Amino acid sequence: MKKEKKELIKKFKVVIEDLLDNYEEYTDEEKAQIKEIFQKVADLNAILDKYDIDVKLDWEEYSAAYCHFFGMMLY
């Protein structure tokens, strides 16, 4: 899976670079198509945010546990 993910990232970066290499020369319709694709990717990313795990660390709780087990304060 990791290899597949790395390969997808690599290919995606190449496609993005290729799509935007002559952006200034594109017609308004072509620019609109690129913006639409990027918006769809952004929308999908928002849907997939449910899989992102945001671990919030409570530093006070961490410090108390550290002091309890190791007998010294963190500063």
Protein backbone atom coordinates (compact mmCIF):
# COMPACT_ATOMS: atom_id res chain seq x y z
CA MET A 1 0.00 0.00 0.00
CA LYS A 2 2.78 2.47 0.85
CA LYS A 3 4.40 1.90 -2.54
CA GLU A 4 1.07 2.44 -4.29
CA LYS A 5 0.49 5.67 -2.33
CA LYS A 6 3.97 6.98 -3.20
CA GLU A 7 3.43 6.15 -6.86
CA LEU A 8 0.04 7.93 -6.90
CA ILE A 9 1.55 11.02 -5.28
CA LYS A 10 4.41 11.03 -7.78
CA LYS A 11 2.02 10.71 -10.75
CA PHE A 12 -0.32 13.37 -9.35
CA LYS A 13 2.55 15.85 -9.00
CA VAL A 14 3.62 15.18 -12.60
CA VAL A 15 0.07 15.73 -13.88
CA ILE A 16 -0.30 18.97 -11.93
CA GLU A 17 3.00 20.31 -13.25
CA ASP A 18 2.03 19.33 -16.79
CA LEU A 19 -1.45 20.87 -16.49
CA LEU A 20 -0.08 24.19 -15.29
CA ASP A 21 3.13 24.50 -17.31
CA ASN A 22 1.56 26.82 -19.92
CA TYR A 23 -1.40 28.06 -17.89
CA GLU A 24 -1.03 31.67 -19.04
CA GLU A 25 -1.55 30.60 -22.66
CA TYR A 26 -4.71 28.56 -22.07
CA THR A 27 -8.12 29.75 -23.19
CA ASP A 28 -10.64 30.79 -20.57
CA GLU A 29 -12.52 27.53 -21.20
CA GLU A 30 -9.39 25.45 -20.61
CA LYS A 31 -8.62 27.37 -17.42
CA ALA A 32 -12.20 26.80 -16.26
CA GLN A 33 -11.84 23.05 -16.87
CA ILE A 34 -8.66 22.96 -14.78
CA LYS A 35 -10.33 24.94 -11.99
CA GLU A 36 -13.31 22.55 -12.10
CA ILE A 37 -11.04 19.53 -11.76
CA PHE A 38 -9.20 21.10 -8.83
CA GLN A 39 -12.51 22.00 -7.18
CA LYS A 40 -13.66 18.38 -7.51
CA VAL A 41 -10.42 17.22 -5.90
CA ALA A 42 -10.88 19.75 -3.09
CA ASP A 43 -14.48 18.57 -2.59
CA LEU A 44 -13.35 14.94 -2.44
CA ASN A 45 -10.65 15.91 0.04
CA ALA A 46 -13.28 17.51 2.28
CA ILE A 47 -15.34 14.31 2.14
CA LEU A 48 -12.29 12.20 3.01
CA ASP A 49 -11.38 14.44 5.96
CA LYS A 50 -13.36 12.03 8.13
CA TYR A 51 -10.39 9.65 7.87
CA ASP A 52 -7.91 12.24 9.17
CA ILE A 53 -7.24 11.60 12.81
CA ASP A 54 -6.45 14.78 14.66
CA VAL A 55 -4.82 13.84 17.93
CA LYS A 56 -4.80 16.72 20.35
CA LEU A 57 -2.21 16.44 23.07
CA ASP A 58 -3.11 17.81 26.49
CA TRP A 59 0.30 19.09 27.62
CA GLU A 60 -0.77 19.52 31.23
CA GLU A 61 -1.93 15.91 31.41
CA TYR A 62 1.25 14.77 29.65
CA SER A 63 3.43 16.75 32.07
CA ALA A 64 1.57 15.36 35.11
CA ALA A 65 1.98 11.79 33.84
CA TYR A 66 5.66 12.42 33.09
CA CYS A 67 6.24 13.78 36.59
CA HIS A 68 4.35 10.87 38.12
CA PHE A 69 6.46 8.25 36.35
CA PHE A 70 9.84 9.97 36.16
CA GLY A 71 9.70 12.28 39.19
CA MET A 72 10.77 15.49 37.44
CA MET A 73 9.04 18.48 35.95
CA LEU A 74 9.01 19.36 32.27
CA TYR A 75 9.78 22.96 31.40
